[in-house]
C-alpha atoms as a PDB file:
ATOM      1  CA  MET A   1      67.016 -12.133  77.651  1.00  0.00           C
ATOM      2  CA  SER A   2      66.688 -15.477  75.586  1.00  0.00           C
ATOM      3  CA  GLY A   3      65.085 -18.851  76.547  1.00  0.00           C
ATOM      4  CA  THR A   4      64.636 -18.031  80.404  1.00  0.00           C
ATOM      5  CA  SER A   5      63.627 -15.438  82.551  1.00  0.00           C
ATOM      6  CA  GLY A   6      66.569 -13.805  84.839  1.00  0.00           C
ATOM      7  CA  THR A   7      68.013 -15.733  88.067  1.00  0.00           C
ATOM      8  CA  SER A   8      67.914 -12.797  90.347  1.00  0.00           C
ATOM      9  CA  GLY A   9      65.812 -10.289  89.106  1.00  0.00           C
ATOM     10  CA  LEU A  10      63.281 -10.921  92.062  1.00  0.00           C
ATOM     11  CA  ASN A  11      65.390 -11.636  95.335  1.00  0.00           C
ATOM     12  CA  GLY A  12      63.243 -10.110  98.130  1.00  0.00           C
ATOM     13  CA  ARG A  13      60.035  -9.924  96.888  1.00  0.00           C
ATOM     14  CA  VAL A  14      57.243 -12.033  97.581  1.00  0.00           C
ATOM     15  CA  ALA A  15      54.678 -13.663  95.799  1.00  0.00           C
ATOM     16  CA  LEU A  16      50.697 -15.303  96.349  1.00  0.00           C
ATOM     17  CA  VAL A  17      50.611 -17.926  93.058  1.00  0.00           C
ATOM     18  CA  ALA A  18      46.626 -18.302  93.730  1.00  0.00           C
ATOM     19  CA  GLY A  19      45.994 -21.694  92.169  1.00  0.00           C
ATOM     20  CA  ALA A  20      49.313 -23.112  91.568  1.00  0.00           C
ATOM     21  CA  THR A  21      49.119 -26.950  91.891  1.00  0.00           C
ATOM     22  CA  ARG A  22      49.433 -28.370  88.098  1.00  0.00           C
ATOM     23  CA  GLY A  23      49.434 -26.723  84.864  1.00  0.00           C
ATOM     24  CA  ALA A  24      49.999 -22.061  84.474  1.00  0.00           C
ATOM     25  CA  GLY A  25      49.788 -21.790  87.725  1.00  0.00           C
ATOM     26  CA  ARG A  26      52.510 -23.995  89.027  1.00  0.00           C
ATOM     27  CA  ALA A  27      54.998 -23.195  86.396  1.00  0.00           C
ATOM     28  CA  MET A  28      54.809 -19.423  87.020  1.00  0.00           C
ATOM     29  CA  ALA A  29      55.160 -20.311  90.388  1.00  0.00           C
ATOM     30  CA  VAL A  30      58.206 -22.307  89.447  1.00  0.00           C
ATOM     31  CA  GLU A  31      59.255 -19.737  87.223  1.00  0.00           C
ATOM     32  CA  LEU A  32      58.813 -16.645  90.022  1.00  0.00           C
ATOM     33  CA  GLY A  33      60.894 -18.173  92.299  1.00  0.00           C
ATOM     34  CA  ARG A  34      64.006 -19.069  89.651  1.00  0.00           C
ATOM     35  CA  ALA A  35      64.007 -15.546  89.540  1.00  0.00           C
ATOM     36  CA  GLY A  36      64.519 -15.023  93.054  1.00  0.00           C
ATOM     37  CA  ALA A  37      61.074 -14.929  94.572  1.00  0.00           C
ATOM     38  CA  THR A  38      59.652 -16.140  98.052  1.00  0.00           C
ATOM     39  CA  VAL A  39      56.237 -18.191  96.556  1.00  0.00           C
ATOM     40  CA  TYR A  40      53.492 -19.228  98.315  1.00  0.00           C
ATOM     41  CA  ALA A  41      51.844 -21.639  96.049  1.00  0.00           C
ATOM     42  CA  THR A  42      48.174 -22.392  97.151  1.00  0.00           C
ATOM     43  CA  GLY A  43      45.416 -25.281  95.621  1.00  0.00           C
ATOM     44  CA  ARG A  44      42.682 -27.785  96.790  1.00  0.00           C
ATOM     45  CA  THR A  45      44.944 -30.785  95.996  1.00  0.00           C
ATOM     46  CA  THR A  46      47.522 -31.407  98.958  1.00  0.00           C
ATOM     47  CA  ARG A  47      49.436 -34.891 100.104  1.00  0.00           C
ATOM     48  CA  GLY A  48      46.350 -36.230 101.570  1.00  0.00           C
ATOM     49  CA  ARG A  49      43.580 -34.445 100.002  1.00  0.00           C
ATOM     50  CA  THR A  50      42.430 -34.373  96.601  1.00  0.00           C
ATOM     51  CA  SER A  51      39.946 -31.509  94.733  1.00  0.00           C
ATOM     52  CA  GLU A  52      36.886 -31.938  93.374  1.00  0.00           C
ATOM     53  CA  THR A  53      38.482 -32.348  90.123  1.00  0.00           C
ATOM     54  CA  GLY A  54      39.664 -36.214  90.881  1.00  0.00           C
ATOM     55  CA  ARG A  55      43.152 -35.914  90.271  1.00  0.00           C
ATOM     56  CA  ALA A  56      45.748 -36.258  93.498  1.00  0.00           C
ATOM     57  CA  THR A  57      48.671 -36.719  91.629  1.00  0.00           C
ATOM     58  CA  GLU A  58      50.090 -33.305  91.576  1.00  0.00           C
ATOM     59  CA  THR A  59      49.823 -31.150  94.836  1.00  0.00           C
ATOM     60  CA  VAL A  60      50.728 -27.829  96.447  1.00  0.00           C
ATOM     61  CA  GLU A  61      53.542 -28.831  99.031  1.00  0.00           C
ATOM     62  CA  GLU A  62      55.368 -30.295  95.233  1.00  0.00           C
ATOM     63  CA  THR A  63      55.274 -27.283  93.214  1.00  0.00           C
ATOM     64  CA  ALA A  64      56.950 -25.186  96.450  1.00  0.00           C
ATOM     65  CA  GLU A  65      59.671 -28.315  96.516  1.00  0.00           C
ATOM     66  CA  LEU A  66      60.019 -27.311  92.721  1.00  0.00           C
ATOM     67  CA  VAL A  67      60.114 -23.958  93.259  1.00  0.00           C
ATOM     68  CA  SER A  68      62.680 -23.443  95.700  1.00  0.00           C
ATOM     69  CA  ALA A  69      64.666 -26.631  93.872  1.00  0.00           C
ATOM     70  CA  ALA A  70      64.339 -23.850  91.507  1.00  0.00           C
ATOM     71  CA  GLY A  71      66.418 -21.461  93.436  1.00  0.00           C
ATOM     72  CA  GLY A  72      63.073 -19.315  95.140  1.00  0.00           C
ATOM     73  CA  HIS A  73      61.311 -20.275  98.119  1.00  0.00           C
ATOM     74  CA  GLY A  74      58.407 -22.020  98.107  1.00  0.00           C
ATOM     75  CA  ILE A  75      55.556 -22.401 100.968  1.00  0.00           C
ATOM     76  CA  ALA A  76      53.058 -24.334 100.288  1.00  0.00           C
ATOM     77  CA  VAL A  77      49.228 -23.177 102.140  1.00  0.00           C
ATOM     78  CA  PRO A  78      46.552 -25.499 101.154  1.00  0.00           C
ATOM     79  CA  ALA A  79      44.058 -23.787 100.418  1.00  0.00           C
ATOM     80  CA  ASP A  80      40.225 -23.308  98.863  1.00  0.00           C
ATOM     81  CA  HIS A  81      39.757 -19.817  97.221  1.00  0.00           C
ATOM     82  CA  LEU A  82      35.409 -20.285  97.539  1.00  0.00           C
ATOM     83  CA  VAL A  83      35.929 -19.721 101.571  1.00  0.00           C
ATOM     84  CA  PRO A  84      36.446 -16.484 102.430  1.00  0.00           C
ATOM     85  CA  GLU A  85      38.246 -17.507 105.737  1.00  0.00           C
ATOM     86  CA  GLU A  86      41.130 -19.268 104.268  1.00  0.00           C
ATOM     87  CA  VAL A  87      42.147 -16.710 102.063  1.00  0.00           C
ATOM     88  CA  ARG A  88      41.981 -14.188 104.988  1.00  0.00           C
ATOM     89  CA  ASP A  89      43.890 -16.491 107.259  1.00  0.00           C
ATOM     90  CA  LEU A  90      45.931 -17.005 104.181  1.00  0.00           C
ATOM     91  CA  THR A  91      46.784 -12.902 103.233  1.00  0.00           C
ATOM     92  CA  GLU A  92      47.283 -12.478 107.330  1.00  0.00           C
ATOM     93  CA  ARG A  93      50.050 -15.257 107.293  1.00  0.00           C
ATOM     94  CA  ILE A  94      52.147 -13.353 104.407  1.00  0.00           C
ATOM     95  CA  ASP A  95      51.732  -9.714 105.854  1.00  0.00           C
ATOM     96  CA  ARG A  96      53.356 -11.578 109.300  1.00  0.00           C
ATOM     97  CA  ASP A  97      55.697 -13.684 107.973  1.00  0.00           C
ATOM     98  CA  HIS A  98      57.033 -10.874 105.098  1.00  0.00           C
ATOM     99  CA  GLY A  99      55.269  -7.115 106.020  1.00  0.00           C
ATOM    100  CA  ARG A 100      54.507  -7.096 101.622  1.00  0.00           C
ATOM    101  CA  LEU A 101      52.994  -8.386  98.951  1.00  0.00           C
ATOM    102  CA  ASP A 102      54.658  -7.919  95.192  1.00  0.00           C
ATOM    103  CA  VAL A 103      52.982 -10.072  93.251  1.00  0.00           C
ATOM    104  CA  LEU A 104      49.443 -11.547  93.136  1.00  0.00           C
ATOM    105  CA  VAL A 105      49.045 -14.460  90.221  1.00  0.00           C
ATOM    106  CA  ASN A 106      44.874 -15.098  90.203  1.00  0.00           C
ATOM    107  CA  ASP A 107      45.301 -18.585  88.146  1.00  0.00           C
ATOM    108  CA  ILE A 108      42.887 -20.383  90.313  1.00  0.00           C
ATOM    109  CA  TRP A 109      39.926 -22.410  88.361  1.00  0.00           C
ATOM    110  CA  GLY A 110      39.598 -26.408  88.615  1.00  0.00           C
ATOM    111  CA  GLY A 111      36.035 -26.606  86.039  1.00  0.00           C
ATOM    112  CA  ASP A 112      37.211 -28.357  83.035  1.00  0.00           C
ATOM    113  CA  HIS A 113      35.472 -31.273  83.939  1.00  0.00           C
ATOM    114  CA  LEU A 114      32.408 -29.825  84.574  1.00  0.00           C
ATOM    115  CA  VAL A 115      31.569 -27.999  81.145  1.00  0.00           C
ATOM    116  CA  GLN A 116      29.691 -29.758  78.790  1.00  0.00           C
ATOM    117  CA  TRP A 117      30.712 -28.236  75.582  1.00  0.00           C
ATOM    118  CA  ASP A 118      28.412 -29.895  73.289  1.00  0.00           C
ATOM    119  CA  ARG A 119      25.193 -28.497  75.434  1.00  0.00           C
ATOM    120  CA  LYS A 120      23.025 -24.992  74.554  1.00  0.00           C
ATOM    121  CA  MET A 121      23.178 -23.188  77.792  1.00  0.00           C
ATOM    122  CA  TRP A 122      19.410 -24.786  78.197  1.00  0.00           C
ATOM    123  CA  GLU A 123      20.790 -27.759  78.100  1.00  0.00           C
ATOM    124  CA  HIS A 124      23.672 -27.723  80.495  1.00  0.00           C
ATOM    125  CA  ASP A 125      23.755 -28.567  83.819  1.00  0.00           C
ATOM    126  CA  LEU A 126      22.902 -25.795  86.099  1.00  0.00           C
ATOM    127  CA  ALA A 127      24.577 -27.027  89.143  1.00  0.00           C
ATOM    128  CA  ASP A 128      27.273 -27.734  86.967  1.00  0.00           C
ATOM    129  CA  GLY A 129      27.148 -23.985  84.729  1.00  0.00           C
ATOM    130  CA  LEU A 130      27.052 -22.043  88.405  1.00  0.00           C
ATOM    131  CA  ARG A 131      30.314 -24.061  89.832  1.00  0.00           C
ATOM    132  CA  ILE A 132      32.445 -23.436  86.807  1.00  0.00           C
ATOM    133  CA  LEU A 133      30.641 -19.508  87.605  1.00  0.00           C
ATOM    134  CA  ARG A 134      31.950 -19.545  91.052  1.00  0.00           C
ATOM    135  CA  LEU A 135      35.200 -21.377  90.479  1.00  0.00           C
ATOM    136  CA  GLY A 136      36.395 -18.919  87.848  1.00  0.00           C
ATOM    137  CA  ILE A 137      35.238 -15.634  88.728  1.00  0.00           C
ATOM    138  CA  GLU A 138      34.508 -15.794  92.754  1.00  0.00           C
ATOM    139  CA  THR A 139      37.567 -17.396  93.661  1.00  0.00           C
ATOM    140  CA  HIS A 140      39.471 -14.251  91.967  1.00  0.00           C
ATOM    141  CA  ILE A 141      37.378 -11.919  93.553  1.00  0.00           C
ATOM    142  CA  ILE A 142      37.777 -12.962  96.639  1.00  0.00           C
ATOM    143  CA  THR A 143      41.097 -13.978  96.713  1.00  0.00           C
ATOM    144  CA  SER A 144      41.699  -9.811  95.088  1.00  0.00           C
ATOM    145  CA  ARG A 145      39.510  -8.807  98.296  1.00  0.00           C
ATOM    146  CA  TYR A 146      42.122 -10.290 100.606  1.00  0.00           C
ATOM    147  CA  ALA A 147      45.059  -9.638  98.519  1.00  0.00           C
ATOM    148  CA  LEU A 148      44.899  -6.565  97.555  1.00  0.00           C
ATOM    149  CA  PRO A 149      45.227  -4.389 100.758  1.00  0.00           C
ATOM    150  CA  LEU A 150      48.851  -6.284 101.001  1.00  0.00           C
ATOM    151  CA  LEU A 151      49.159  -5.769  97.270  1.00  0.00           C
ATOM    152  CA  ILE A 152      48.941  -1.896  97.256  1.00  0.00           C
ATOM    153  CA  ARG A 153      50.450  -1.204 100.642  1.00  0.00           C
ATOM    154  CA  GLU A 154      54.162   0.202  98.918  1.00  0.00           C
ATOM    155  CA  PRO A 155      53.728   1.442  95.044  1.00  0.00           C
ATOM    156  CA  GLY A 156      54.941  -1.063  92.845  1.00  0.00           C
ATOM    157  CA  GLY A 157      52.501  -4.173  92.834  1.00  0.00           C
ATOM    158  CA  LEU A 158      51.447  -6.494  90.680  1.00  0.00           C
ATOM    159  CA  LEU A 159      48.211  -8.281  90.074  1.00  0.00           C
ATOM    160  CA  VAL A 160      47.830 -10.833  87.349  1.00  0.00           C
ATOM    161  CA  GLU A 161      44.764 -12.548  86.480  1.00  0.00           C
ATOM    162  CA  VAL A 162      44.961 -15.574  84.618  1.00  0.00           C
ATOM    163  CA  THR A 163      42.151 -16.859  81.780  1.00  0.00           C
ATOM    164  CA  ASP A 164      41.798 -18.642  78.341  1.00  0.00           C
ATOM    165  CA  GLY A 165      42.274 -15.976  75.454  1.00  0.00           C
ATOM    166  CA  THR A 166      43.153 -12.947  74.611  1.00  0.00           C
ATOM    167  CA  GLU A 167      41.020  -9.609  74.842  1.00  0.00           C
ATOM    168  CA  GLU A 168      40.637  -9.705  71.138  1.00  0.00           C
ATOM    169  CA  TYR A 169      40.446 -13.503  70.879  1.00  0.00           C
ATOM    170  CA  ASN A 170      37.274 -13.571  73.152  1.00  0.00           C
ATOM    171  CA  ARG A 171      35.122 -11.050  70.973  1.00  0.00           C
ATOM    172  CA  ARG A 172      33.765 -13.918  69.962  1.00  0.00           C
ATOM    173  CA  TYR A 173      31.350 -16.498  71.553  1.00  0.00           C
ATOM    174  CA  ARG A 174      33.455 -19.206  73.674  1.00  0.00           C
ATOM    175  CA  ALA A 175      30.718 -21.562  73.529  1.00  0.00           C
ATOM    176  CA  PRO A 176      29.569 -23.357  76.041  1.00  0.00           C
ATOM    177  CA  PHE A 177      27.809 -20.429  77.807  1.00  0.00           C
ATOM    178  CA  TYR A 178      29.347 -20.986  80.982  1.00  0.00           C
ATOM    179  CA  TYR A 179      32.613 -21.358  80.018  1.00  0.00           C
ATOM    180  CA  ASP A 180      32.740 -18.285  78.049  1.00  0.00           C
ATOM    181  CA  LEU A 181      31.324 -15.733  80.862  1.00  0.00           C
ATOM    182  CA  ALA A 182      33.846 -17.842  83.609  1.00  0.00           C
ATOM    183  CA  LYS A 183      36.795 -16.505  81.023  1.00  0.00           C
ATOM    184  CA  ALA A 184      35.564 -13.377  79.892  1.00  0.00           C
ATOM    185  CA  ALA A 185      35.299 -12.177  83.725  1.00  0.00           C
ATOM    186  CA  PRO A 186      39.101 -11.865  84.240  1.00  0.00           C
ATOM    187  CA  LEU A 187      39.302  -9.306  81.595  1.00  0.00           C
ATOM    188  CA  ARG A 188      36.956  -7.471  82.715  1.00  0.00           C
ATOM    189  CA  MET A 189      38.578  -7.595  86.137  1.00  0.00           C
ATOM    190  CA  THR A 190      41.351  -7.002  84.880  1.00  0.00           C
ATOM    191  CA  ARG A 191      40.339  -4.002  83.186  1.00  0.00           C
ATOM    192  CA  GLY A 192      38.585  -2.315  86.280  1.00  0.00           C
ATOM    193  CA  LEU A 193      40.964  -3.171  89.069  1.00  0.00           C
ATOM    194  CA  ALA A 194      43.414  -1.450  86.874  1.00  0.00           C
ATOM    195  CA  GLU A 195      41.076   1.504  86.938  1.00  0.00           C
ATOM    196  CA  GLU A 196      40.933   0.876  91.398  1.00  0.00           C
ATOM    197  CA  LEU A 197      44.377   0.240  91.368  1.00  0.00           C
ATOM    198  CA  ALA A 198      46.075   3.125  89.449  1.00  0.00           C
ATOM    199  CA  PRO A 199      46.563   5.387  92.386  1.00  0.00           C
ATOM    200  CA  TYR A 200      48.094   3.233  93.729  1.00  0.00           C
ATOM    201  CA  GLY A 201      51.168   2.752  91.798  1.00  0.00           C
ATOM    202  CA  ALA A 202      50.396  -0.878  90.494  1.00  0.00           C
ATOM    203  CA  THR A 203      49.910  -2.507  87.312  1.00  0.00           C
ATOM    204  CA  THR A 204      47.780  -4.465  86.618  1.00  0.00           C
ATOM    205  CA  VAL A 205      46.974  -7.536  83.557  1.00  0.00           C
ATOM    206  CA  CYS A 206      45.429 -10.273  82.202  1.00  0.00           C
ATOM    207  CA  VAL A 207      47.456 -12.691  80.773  1.00  0.00           C
ATOM    208  CA  THR A 208      46.450 -16.216  78.883  1.00  0.00           C
ATOM    209  CA  PRO A 209      48.068 -19.047  77.453  1.00  0.00           C
ATOM    210  CA  GLY A 210      48.385 -20.529  74.478  1.00  0.00           C
ATOM    211  CA  TRP A 211      47.463 -24.661  73.928  1.00  0.00           C
ATOM    212  CA  LEU A 212      48.202 -25.354  77.524  1.00  0.00           C
ATOM    213  CA  ARG A 213      50.222 -28.926  77.600  1.00  0.00           C
ATOM    214  CA  SER A 214      48.984 -29.380  81.608  1.00  0.00           C
ATOM    215  CA  GLU A 215      49.091 -32.403  83.140  1.00  0.00           C
ATOM    216  CA  THR A 216      45.780 -33.317  82.003  1.00  0.00           C
ATOM    217  CA  MET A 217      45.916 -32.060  78.654  1.00  0.00           C
ATOM    218  CA  LEU A 218      49.195 -34.547  78.364  1.00  0.00           C
ATOM    219  CA  ASP A 219      48.114 -37.513  80.199  1.00  0.00           C
ATOM    220  CA  THR A 220      44.249 -37.800  79.891  1.00  0.00           C
ATOM    221  CA  HIS A 221      43.334 -36.685  76.248  1.00  0.00           C
ATOM    222  CA  PHE A 222      46.346 -37.669  74.619  1.00  0.00           C
ATOM    223  CA  ARG A 223      48.319 -40.284  77.000  1.00  0.00           C
ATOM    224  CA  VAL A 224      51.382 -39.033  76.110  1.00  0.00           C
ATOM    225  CA  THR A 225      54.104 -37.097  78.161  1.00  0.00           C
ATOM    226  CA  GLU A 226      56.075 -33.901  77.886  1.00  0.00           C
ATOM    227  CA  GLU A 227      58.806 -35.548  76.505  1.00  0.00           C
ATOM    228  CA  ASN A 228      56.833 -37.079  73.596  1.00  0.00           C
ATOM    229  CA  TRP A 229      54.112 -34.861  73.251  1.00  0.00           C
ATOM    230  CA  GLN A 230      54.629 -34.848  69.344  1.00  0.00           C
ATOM    231  CA  GLN A 231      52.628 -37.906  69.006  1.00  0.00           C
ATOM    232  CA  GLY A 232      49.690 -36.678  70.176  1.00  0.00           C
ATOM    233  CA  CYS A 233      49.603 -34.602  66.325  1.00  0.00           C
ATOM    234  CA  ALA A 234      48.663 -38.118  65.431  1.00  0.00           C
ATOM    235  CA  GLN A 235      45.850 -37.506  67.425  1.00  0.00           C
ATOM    236  CA  ASP A 236      44.399 -34.082  66.235  1.00  0.00           C
ATOM    237  CA  PRO A 237      47.135 -32.473  63.683  1.00  0.00           C
ATOM    238  CA  HIS A 238      46.952 -28.868  65.275  1.00  0.00           C
ATOM    239  CA  PHE A 239      48.078 -30.289  68.523  1.00  0.00           C
ATOM    240  CA  ALA A 240      51.430 -29.086  67.237  1.00  0.00           C
ATOM    241  CA  ILE A 241      50.655 -25.206  67.505  1.00  0.00           C
ATOM    242  CA  SER A 242      50.464 -26.916  71.717  1.00  0.00           C
ATOM    243  CA  GLU A 243      52.758 -24.918  73.996  1.00  0.00           C
ATOM    244  CA  SER A 244      54.357 -26.178  77.546  1.00  0.00           C
ATOM    245  CA  PRO A 245      53.231 -24.856  80.776  1.00  0.00           C
ATOM    246  CA  THR A 246      57.049 -22.615  81.482  1.00  0.00           C
ATOM    247  CA  PHE A 247      56.291 -20.220  78.040  1.00  0.00           C
ATOM    248  CA  LEU A 248      53.773 -18.248  80.166  1.00  0.00           C
ATOM    249  CA  GLY A 249      55.573 -19.011  83.178  1.00  0.00           C
ATOM    250  CA  ARG A 250      58.941 -17.506  82.065  1.00  0.00           C
ATOM    251  CA  GLY A 251      56.679 -14.752  80.671  1.00  0.00           C
ATOM    252  CA  VAL A 252      55.099 -13.511  84.201  1.00  0.00           C
ATOM    253  CA  ALA A 253      58.281 -14.183  85.813  1.00  0.00           C
ATOM    254  CA  ALA A 254      59.975 -11.579  83.091  1.00  0.00           C
ATOM    255  CA  LEU A 255      56.913  -8.898  83.302  1.00  0.00           C
ATOM    256  CA  ALA A 256      57.169  -9.685  87.093  1.00  0.00           C
ATOM    257  CA  ALA A 257      61.629  -8.228  86.953  1.00  0.00           C
ATOM    258  CA  ASP A 258      60.539  -5.515  84.325  1.00  0.00           C
ATOM    259  CA  PRO A 259      60.627  -1.906  86.245  1.00  0.00           C
ATOM    260  CA  GLU A 260      58.734  -0.450  83.576  1.00  0.00           C
ATOM    261  CA  ARG A 261      55.883  -2.894  83.384  1.00  0.00           C
ATOM    262  CA  ALA A 262      53.192  -0.270  84.120  1.00  0.00           C
ATOM    263  CA  ARG A 263      53.181   0.292  80.543  1.00  0.00           C
ATOM    264  CA  PHE A 264      51.091  -2.502  79.978  1.00  0.00           C
ATOM    265  CA  HIS A 265      48.576  -1.542  82.788  1.00  0.00           C
ATOM    266  CA  GLY A 266      44.900  -2.716  81.985  1.00  0.00           C
ATOM    267  CA  ALA A 267      46.131  -4.790  79.112  1.00  0.00           C
ATOM    268  CA  SER A 268      45.568  -8.456  78.248  1.00  0.00           C
ATOM    269  CA  LEU A 269      48.583 -10.147  77.172  1.00  0.00           C
ATOM    270  CA  SER A 270      49.488 -13.565  75.782  1.00  0.00           C
ATOM    271  CA  SER A 271      51.763 -16.553  76.420  1.00  0.00           C
ATOM    272  CA  THR A 272      53.635 -14.990  72.496  1.00  0.00           C
ATOM    273  CA  GLY A 273      53.199 -11.948  73.204  1.00  0.00           C
ATOM    274  CA  LEU A 274      55.417 -12.264  76.491  1.00  0.00           C
ATOM    275  CA  ALA A 275      58.038 -13.823  75.023  1.00  0.00           C
ATOM    276  CA  ARG A 276      58.031 -11.260  72.466  1.00  0.00           C
ATOM    277  CA  GLU A 277      58.676  -8.377  74.978  1.00  0.00           C
ATOM    278  CA  TYR A 278      61.584 -10.188  76.921  1.00  0.00           C
ATOM    279  CA  GLY A 279      63.037 -12.365  73.801  1.00  0.00           C
ATOM    280  CA  LEU A 280      62.572 -14.953  75.324  1.00  0.00           C
ATOM    281  CA  THR A 281      61.112 -18.729  74.163  1.00  0.00           C
ATOM    282  CA  ASP A 282      59.267 -22.133  75.423  1.00  0.00           C
ATOM    283  CA  THR A 283      61.348 -25.124  76.571  1.00  0.00           C
ATOM    284  CA  ASP A 284      62.269 -26.672  72.788  1.00  0.00           C
ATOM    285  CA  GLY A 285      63.694 -23.230  71.651  1.00  0.00           C
ATOM    286  CA  SER A 286      60.546 -22.414  69.932  1.00  0.00           C
ATOM    287  CA  ARG A 287      58.235 -18.864  69.943  1.00  0.00           C
ATOM    288  CA  PRO A 288      54.654 -20.856  69.555  1.00  0.00           C
ATOM    289  CA  ASP A 289      51.442 -17.946  68.281  1.00  0.00           C
ATOM    290  CA  CYS A 290      48.833 -20.595  69.154  1.00  0.00           C
ATOM    291  CA  TRP A 291      45.933 -17.818  69.033  1.00  0.00           C
ATOM    292  CA  ARG A 292      47.334 -16.212  65.852  1.00  0.00           C
ATOM    293  CA  TYR A 293      47.015 -20.153  64.265  1.00  0.00           C
ATOM    294  CA  LEU A 294      43.450 -20.498  65.178  1.00  0.00           C
ATOM    295  CA  VAL A 295      42.491 -16.747  63.621  1.00  0.00           C
ATOM    296  CA  GLU A 296      44.502 -17.864  60.569  1.00  0.00           C
ATOM    297  CA  VAL A 297      44.426 -21.460  60.370  1.00  0.00           C
ATOM    298  CA  VAL A 298      41.572 -23.370  62.036  1.00  0.00           C
ATOM    299  CA  GLU A 299      38.901 -20.836  61.708  1.00  0.00           C
ATOM    300  CA  LYS A 300      39.716 -20.943  58.217  1.00  0.00           C
ATOM    301  CA  ASP A 301      39.353 -25.060  57.971  1.00  0.00           C
ATOM    302  CA  GLY A 302      43.287 -25.427  56.723  1.00  0.00           C
ATOM    303  CA  PRO A 303      45.682 -27.254  56.800  1.00  0.00           C
ATOM    304  CA  ALA A 304      47.806 -28.376  60.142  1.00  0.00           C
ATOM    305  CA  ASP A 305      51.380 -26.634  59.738  1.00  0.00           C
ATOM    306  CA  ALA A 306      52.227 -25.194  62.249  1.00  0.00           C
ATOM    307  CA  SER A 307      55.361 -23.745  59.801  1.00  0.00           C
ATOM    308  CA  GLY A 308      55.901 -20.114  60.649  1.00  0.00           C
ATOM    309  CA  TYR A 309      53.446 -20.211  63.682  1.00  0.00           C
ATOM    310  CA  ARG A 310      56.520 -21.496  66.434  1.00  0.00           C
END
């Protein structure tokens, strides 16, 4: 298996990517579709409604269209995963339409605009901090509460929790306080749900991208595009280790199509680890290893040089 995941490994499978409007969520939805899955793509930004992030240039409808264009069947469902009734209605719709759910990807976030990166816990705006926890933790809990009964109806389901950082890397404090809690929680959720789902033959993993070239990262922070992203290295030379959202998307699709994926039950997996396991690369043919780079280069104040890390 080379740069992309298989084209038909998920034919007949049904996936829900919660938080699929943009970034890694969109890429995972598209790559699951490329592998043949029917993908329900959810999010708060739709044609006619903008989420609290204020970004309206990507929508769940567009994600669903990209899924279908890749060869899958994309279904857009506008949903706020902090509203239990909306998530309940979503899972009931999947049940009515298909009677099954094979893959659940919990990628809901949308809290970056609330993070005050340079503030101590007691200096950080409390309302914003609590909202970060709701967006990064409560949304995942609500979604799992309603989707897991459908996922475990038949053995073989896959639950993918998405966070920022591997379990090993996140032993460090990822300041500020509220961000650290929000990104540590999916790792702990994975551990707990691995115990609870084991008797049902389901596999639970937590995945993380590296330095993700999301739409916001590209056009807001670096003012570049995916086509000329290397120009962002002029602002921050360490940006050379960044990766496209497709890198993680390919890994998750390959994991979902792997009949032996239960060997990863309860594990924390990076986009790089998935790529190595399944022989995948990023869109440029490289295999960036962000988390090793952060430890061996950035944390040691080394010169920015991604040689040997891509």
